[in-house]
Amino acid sequence: MFIALSDHNCQFYFQNTSVLENHHWRSCIALLQQSGVFNHFDKKTWEQVEWQLRSLILATDITRQQEFLSRFKKYLDDPNFDFKNNFEQRHFMLQIALKCADICNPCRDW
C-alpha cells in the first residue's frame, strides 16, 4: 500500500496489486536463480517451487487478511480437514503460518 500511495515506480510493474509482495517474490526468485541452488531441478519441479513461493509470499498481503481468516475458519470447522494428506489444505496452512510470522514481525521488541 505504501508503495502505491508514494507513487513509487514499482507500482506500475505490478498494477497496484500486492506491490510489495510481488516485489518480494520476484526478488526471491531472482536470487534463487542467480545462486543456482535449484539448478538441479527439472523445469516442471522448478515451476512448482516458483508457484509455491509466489503463492506463499503473496498470501502475506494484509489486504487479503479477511479472505484468509474466513477460509481458515471454514477449514477448522470442517471435520474432513486433513492437511497432512491434502496438498491444497497443506499449502494453505503454510500460507497461514507465513502470515502469522509476517504479522508478528512488527510486534517484536526492538
N, C-alpha and C. Protein backbone atom coordinates (compact mmCIF):
# COMPACT_ATOMS: atom_id res chain seq x y z
N MET A 1 0.82 -1.18 0.00
CA MET A 1 0.00 0.00 0.00
C MET A 1 0.87 1.26 0.00
N PHE A 2 1.94 1.25 0.81
CA PHE A 2 2.82 2.41 0.89
C PHE A 2 3.41 2.73 -0.49
N ILE A 3 3.85 1.69 -1.18
CA ILE A 3 4.48 1.91 -2.49
C ILE A 3 3.49 2.55 -3.45
N ALA A 4 2.26 2.06 -3.43
CA ALA A 4 1.24 2.62 -4.33
C ALA A 4 0.93 4.07 -3.96
N LEU A 5 0.81 4.36 -2.68
CA LEU A 5 0.49 5.71 -2.24
C LEU A 5 1.64 6.69 -2.44
N SER A 6 2.85 6.18 -2.44
CA SER A 6 4.01 7.07 -2.58
C SER A 6 4.42 7.27 -4.04
N ASP A 7 3.66 6.73 -4.96
CA ASP A 7 3.96 6.84 -6.39
C ASP A 7 5.30 6.22 -6.78
N HIS A 8 5.71 5.21 -6.04
CA HIS A 8 6.95 4.51 -6.37
C HIS A 8 6.77 3.81 -7.71
N ASN A 9 7.83 3.74 -8.50
CA ASN A 9 7.70 3.15 -9.83
C ASN A 9 7.39 1.65 -9.81
N CYS A 10 7.60 0.97 -8.70
CA CYS A 10 7.26 -0.46 -8.61
C CYS A 10 5.76 -0.70 -8.79
N GLN A 11 4.97 0.29 -8.43
CA GLN A 11 3.52 0.10 -8.53
C GLN A 11 3.10 -0.18 -9.97
N PHE A 12 3.83 0.36 -10.92
CA PHE A 12 3.45 0.18 -12.32
C PHE A 12 3.80 -1.22 -12.82
N TYR A 13 4.80 -1.84 -12.21
CA TYR A 13 5.16 -3.20 -12.60
C TYR A 13 4.10 -4.21 -12.19
N PHE A 14 3.41 -3.92 -11.10
CA PHE A 14 2.51 -4.90 -10.52
C PHE A 14 1.05 -4.45 -10.51
N GLN A 15 0.71 -3.46 -11.31
CA GLN A 15 -0.66 -2.96 -11.45
C GLN A 15 -1.32 -2.65 -10.11
N ASN A 16 -0.56 -2.09 -9.19
CA ASN A 16 -1.07 -1.69 -7.87
C ASN A 16 -1.70 -2.84 -7.09
N THR A 17 -1.33 -4.05 -7.39
CA THR A 17 -1.87 -5.21 -6.68
C THR A 17 -0.74 -5.90 -5.92
N SER A 18 -0.84 -5.93 -4.62
CA SER A 18 0.18 -6.58 -3.79
C SER A 18 1.58 -6.18 -4.24
N VAL A 19 1.79 -4.90 -4.35
CA VAL A 19 3.03 -4.38 -4.94
C VAL A 19 4.26 -4.86 -4.19
N LEU A 20 4.28 -4.66 -2.89
CA LEU A 20 5.45 -5.05 -2.11
C LEU A 20 5.64 -6.56 -2.14
N GLU A 21 4.56 -7.30 -2.02
CA GLU A 21 4.64 -8.76 -2.02
C GLU A 21 5.11 -9.28 -3.38
N ASN A 22 4.62 -8.68 -4.46
CA ASN A 22 5.09 -9.07 -5.79
C ASN A 22 6.59 -8.80 -5.94
N HIS A 23 7.01 -7.66 -5.42
CA HIS A 23 8.44 -7.34 -5.46
C HIS A 23 9.24 -8.38 -4.66
N HIS A 24 8.72 -8.77 -3.51
CA HIS A 24 9.43 -9.75 -2.67
C HIS A 24 9.55 -11.09 -3.37
N TRP A 25 8.47 -11.57 -3.97
CA TRP A 25 8.57 -12.90 -4.58
C TRP A 25 9.43 -12.87 -5.83
N ARG A 26 9.37 -11.80 -6.58
CA ARG A 26 10.22 -11.72 -7.78
C ARG A 26 11.70 -11.59 -7.39
N SER A 27 11.96 -10.87 -6.33
CA SER A 27 13.34 -10.77 -5.84
C SER A 27 13.82 -12.12 -5.33
N CYS A 28 12.95 -12.82 -4.64
CA CYS A 28 13.28 -14.16 -4.14
C CYS A 28 13.64 -15.09 -5.29
N ILE A 29 12.82 -15.10 -6.32
CA ILE A 29 13.06 -15.96 -7.47
C ILE A 29 14.37 -15.58 -8.16
N ALA A 30 14.60 -14.28 -8.32
CA ALA A 30 15.83 -13.82 -8.96
C ALA A 30 17.06 -14.27 -8.17
N LEU A 31 16.99 -14.14 -6.85
CA LEU A 31 18.12 -14.56 -6.02
C LEU A 31 18.36 -16.06 -6.10
N LEU A 32 17.28 -16.82 -6.10
CA LEU A 32 17.42 -18.28 -6.20
C LEU A 32 18.01 -18.67 -7.55
N GLN A 33 17.57 -18.01 -8.60
CA GLN A 33 18.11 -18.31 -9.93
C GLN A 33 19.58 -17.93 -10.02
N GLN A 34 19.93 -16.77 -9.49
CA GLN A 34 21.32 -16.33 -9.54
C GLN A 34 22.24 -17.23 -8.71
N SER A 35 21.72 -17.72 -7.61
CA SER A 35 22.55 -18.56 -6.74
C SER A 35 22.77 -19.95 -7.33
N GLY A 36 21.84 -20.38 -8.17
CA GLY A 36 21.96 -21.70 -8.78
C GLY A 36 21.61 -22.84 -7.83
N VAL A 37 21.06 -22.50 -6.67
CA VAL A 37 20.79 -23.52 -5.66
C VAL A 37 19.80 -24.59 -6.14
N PHE A 38 18.94 -24.23 -7.07
CA PHE A 38 17.97 -25.19 -7.58
C PHE A 38 18.25 -25.59 -9.03
N ASN A 39 19.45 -25.41 -9.48
CA ASN A 39 19.78 -25.75 -10.87
C ASN A 39 19.58 -27.23 -11.19
N HIS A 40 19.59 -28.06 -10.19
CA HIS A 40 19.41 -29.50 -10.42
C HIS A 40 17.94 -29.88 -10.62
N PHE A 41 17.03 -28.94 -10.40
CA PHE A 41 15.61 -29.22 -10.60
C PHE A 41 15.28 -29.24 -12.09
N ASP A 42 14.39 -30.16 -12.47
CA ASP A 42 13.91 -30.10 -13.85
C ASP A 42 12.92 -28.94 -13.96
N LYS A 43 12.53 -28.62 -15.18
CA LYS A 43 11.69 -27.44 -15.42
C LYS A 43 10.36 -27.52 -14.66
N LYS A 44 9.74 -28.68 -14.67
CA LYS A 44 8.44 -28.84 -14.01
C LYS A 44 8.56 -28.62 -12.49
N THR A 45 9.59 -29.19 -11.89
CA THR A 45 9.79 -29.03 -10.45
C THR A 45 10.07 -27.58 -10.11
N TRP A 46 10.92 -26.92 -10.92
CA TRP A 46 11.22 -25.51 -10.68
C TRP A 46 9.95 -24.67 -10.78
N GLU A 47 9.10 -24.94 -11.75
CA GLU A 47 7.85 -24.19 -11.89
C GLU A 47 6.95 -24.39 -10.68
N GLN A 48 6.94 -25.59 -10.13
CA GLN A 48 6.14 -25.85 -8.93
C GLN A 48 6.70 -25.08 -7.73
N VAL A 49 8.01 -25.08 -7.59
CA VAL A 49 8.64 -24.33 -6.50
C VAL A 49 8.34 -22.84 -6.65
N GLU A 50 8.48 -22.34 -7.86
CA GLU A 50 8.22 -20.93 -8.11
C GLU A 50 6.76 -20.58 -7.80
N TRP A 51 5.84 -21.44 -8.21
CA TRP A 51 4.42 -21.19 -7.93
C TRP A 51 4.16 -21.17 -6.43
N GLN A 52 4.74 -22.14 -5.72
CA GLN A 52 4.52 -22.20 -4.28
C GLN A 52 5.10 -20.98 -3.57
N LEU A 53 6.30 -20.58 -3.93
CA LEU A 53 6.89 -19.39 -3.32
C LEU A 53 6.05 -18.16 -3.60
N ARG A 54 5.60 -18.03 -4.83
CA ARG A 54 4.75 -16.88 -5.19
C ARG A 54 3.48 -16.88 -4.35
N SER A 55 2.84 -18.01 -4.29
CA SER A 55 1.59 -18.12 -3.54
C SER A 55 1.79 -17.83 -2.06
N LEU A 56 2.86 -18.34 -1.51
CA LEU A 56 3.14 -18.11 -0.09
C LEU A 56 3.43 -16.64 0.20
N ILE A 57 4.27 -16.04 -0.62
CA ILE A 57 4.64 -14.64 -0.38
C ILE A 57 3.46 -13.71 -0.63
N LEU A 58 2.69 -13.95 -1.68
CA LEU A 58 1.54 -13.09 -1.95
C LEU A 58 0.47 -13.22 -0.87
N ALA A 59 0.46 -14.33 -0.17
CA ALA A 59 -0.50 -14.52 0.92
C ALA A 59 -0.25 -13.55 2.08
N THR A 60 0.93 -12.97 2.14
CA THR A 60 1.23 -12.05 3.24
C THR A 60 0.63 -10.67 3.04
N ASP A 61 0.00 -10.43 1.91
CA ASP A 61 -0.64 -9.13 1.67
C ASP A 61 -1.76 -8.92 2.68
N ILE A 62 -1.63 -7.92 3.50
CA ILE A 62 -2.60 -7.67 4.57
C ILE A 62 -3.99 -7.34 4.04
N THR A 63 -4.07 -6.87 2.81
CA THR A 63 -5.39 -6.55 2.25
C THR A 63 -6.22 -7.80 2.00
N ARG A 64 -5.57 -8.97 2.02
CA ARG A 64 -6.29 -10.23 1.82
C ARG A 64 -6.54 -10.95 3.15
N GLN A 65 -6.32 -10.25 4.24
CA GLN A 65 -6.42 -10.86 5.56
C GLN A 65 -7.79 -11.51 5.81
N GLN A 66 -8.84 -10.79 5.53
CA GLN A 66 -10.19 -11.32 5.80
C GLN A 66 -10.48 -12.57 4.97
N GLU A 67 -10.03 -12.56 3.74
CA GLU A 67 -10.20 -13.72 2.86
C GLU A 67 -9.56 -14.97 3.50
N PHE A 68 -8.35 -14.81 4.01
CA PHE A 68 -7.65 -15.94 4.61
C PHE A 68 -8.28 -16.36 5.93
N LEU A 69 -8.69 -15.39 6.73
CA LEU A 69 -9.32 -15.73 8.01
C LEU A 69 -10.63 -16.49 7.80
N SER A 70 -11.41 -16.07 6.84
CA SER A 70 -12.68 -16.76 6.55
C SER A 70 -12.42 -18.18 6.08
N ARG A 71 -11.46 -18.33 5.21
CA ARG A 71 -11.14 -19.66 4.71
C ARG A 71 -10.57 -20.55 5.82
N PHE A 72 -9.74 -19.97 6.67
CA PHE A 72 -9.16 -20.70 7.79
C PHE A 72 -10.26 -21.20 8.73
N LYS A 73 -11.20 -20.33 9.04
CA LYS A 73 -12.31 -20.72 9.92
C LYS A 73 -13.12 -21.85 9.28
N LYS A 74 -13.35 -21.74 7.98
CA LYS A 74 -14.09 -22.79 7.26
C LYS A 74 -13.37 -24.13 7.37
N TYR A 75 -12.05 -24.11 7.19
CA TYR A 75 -11.28 -25.35 7.31
C TYR A 75 -11.35 -25.91 8.73
N LEU A 76 -11.23 -25.04 9.72
CA LEU A 76 -11.25 -25.50 11.11
C LEU A 76 -12.59 -26.11 11.49
N ASP A 77 -13.66 -25.61 10.88
CA ASP A 77 -15.00 -26.14 11.16
C ASP A 77 -15.31 -27.41 10.38
N ASP A 78 -14.45 -27.75 9.44
CA ASP A 78 -14.68 -28.91 8.58
C ASP A 78 -14.09 -30.17 9.23
N PRO A 79 -14.93 -31.15 9.56
CA PRO A 79 -14.41 -32.37 10.20
C PRO A 79 -13.52 -33.19 9.26
N ASN A 80 -13.59 -32.93 7.96
CA ASN A 80 -12.77 -33.66 6.99
C ASN A 80 -11.46 -32.95 6.68
N PHE A 81 -11.18 -31.88 7.40
CA PHE A 81 -9.94 -31.14 7.17
C PHE A 81 -8.76 -32.05 7.46
N ASP A 82 -7.90 -32.24 6.47
CA ASP A 82 -6.77 -33.16 6.61
C ASP A 82 -5.57 -32.62 5.85
N PHE A 83 -4.90 -31.65 6.45
CA PHE A 83 -3.79 -31.01 5.74
C PHE A 83 -2.61 -31.95 5.53
N LYS A 84 -2.56 -33.03 6.27
CA LYS A 84 -1.44 -33.96 6.09
C LYS A 84 -1.53 -34.72 4.77
N ASN A 85 -2.74 -34.97 4.31
CA ASN A 85 -2.92 -35.77 3.10
C ASN A 85 -3.54 -34.99 1.94
N ASN A 86 -3.73 -33.70 2.11
CA ASN A 86 -4.35 -32.89 1.07
C ASN A 86 -3.41 -31.74 0.74
N PHE A 87 -2.86 -31.74 -0.48
CA PHE A 87 -1.88 -30.72 -0.86
C PHE A 87 -2.44 -29.31 -0.73
N GLU A 88 -3.63 -29.09 -1.23
CA GLU A 88 -4.22 -27.74 -1.19
C GLU A 88 -4.35 -27.24 0.24
N GLN A 89 -4.84 -28.10 1.12
CA GLN A 89 -5.00 -27.70 2.52
C GLN A 89 -3.65 -27.52 3.20
N ARG A 90 -2.69 -28.36 2.86
CA ARG A 90 -1.34 -28.23 3.44
C ARG A 90 -0.70 -26.91 2.98
N HIS A 91 -0.87 -26.59 1.71
CA HIS A 91 -0.32 -25.33 1.20
C HIS A 91 -0.99 -24.13 1.88
N PHE A 92 -2.28 -24.24 2.08
CA PHE A 92 -3.00 -23.17 2.77
C PHE A 92 -2.46 -22.99 4.20
N MET A 93 -2.18 -24.08 4.88
CA MET A 93 -1.64 -23.98 6.24
C MET A 93 -0.25 -23.33 6.22
N LEU A 94 0.52 -23.58 5.18
CA LEU A 94 1.81 -22.90 5.04
C LEU A 94 1.60 -21.39 4.85
N GLN A 95 0.58 -21.04 4.07
CA GLN A 95 0.26 -19.62 3.89
C GLN A 95 -0.12 -18.99 5.23
N ILE A 96 -0.93 -19.68 6.00
CA ILE A 96 -1.35 -19.16 7.31
C ILE A 96 -0.13 -19.00 8.23
N ALA A 97 0.75 -19.99 8.23
CA ALA A 97 1.95 -19.91 9.07
C ALA A 97 2.81 -18.71 8.67
N LEU A 98 2.97 -18.50 7.38
CA LEU A 98 3.77 -17.37 6.92
C LEU A 98 3.09 -16.05 7.25
N LYS A 99 1.76 -16.01 7.14
CA LYS A 99 1.02 -14.80 7.51
C LYS A 99 1.23 -14.49 9.00
N CYS A 100 1.18 -15.51 9.82
CA CYS A 100 1.39 -15.30 11.27
C CYS A 100 2.79 -14.75 11.53
N ALA A 101 3.77 -15.30 10.87
CA ALA A 101 5.14 -14.81 11.05
C ALA A 101 5.27 -13.38 10.55
N ASP A 102 4.62 -13.08 9.45
CA ASP A 102 4.69 -11.75 8.86
C ASP A 102 3.99 -10.72 9.75
N ILE A 103 2.86 -11.09 10.29
CA ILE A 103 2.09 -10.16 11.13
C ILE A 103 2.80 -9.91 12.45
N CYS A 104 3.41 -10.92 13.02
CA CYS A 104 4.03 -10.74 14.33
C CYS A 104 5.35 -10.00 14.26
N ASN A 105 5.96 -9.91 13.10
CA ASN A 105 7.26 -9.26 12.98
C ASN A 105 7.27 -7.83 13.53
N PRO A 106 6.28 -6.98 13.19
CA PRO A 106 6.31 -5.62 13.74
C PRO A 106 6.09 -5.56 15.25
N CYS A 107 5.63 -6.64 15.83
CA CYS A 107 5.36 -6.67 17.27
C CYS A 107 6.60 -6.97 18.10
N ARG A 108 7.69 -7.30 17.42
CA ARG A 108 8.92 -7.63 18.15
C ARG A 108 9.44 -6.41 18.90
N ASP A 109 10.02 -6.69 20.04
CA ASP A 109 10.63 -5.63 20.85
C ASP A 109 12.02 -5.33 20.29
N TRP A 110 12.17 -4.19 19.69
CA TRP A 110 13.45 -3.82 19.10
C TRP A 110 14.30 -3.15 20.14
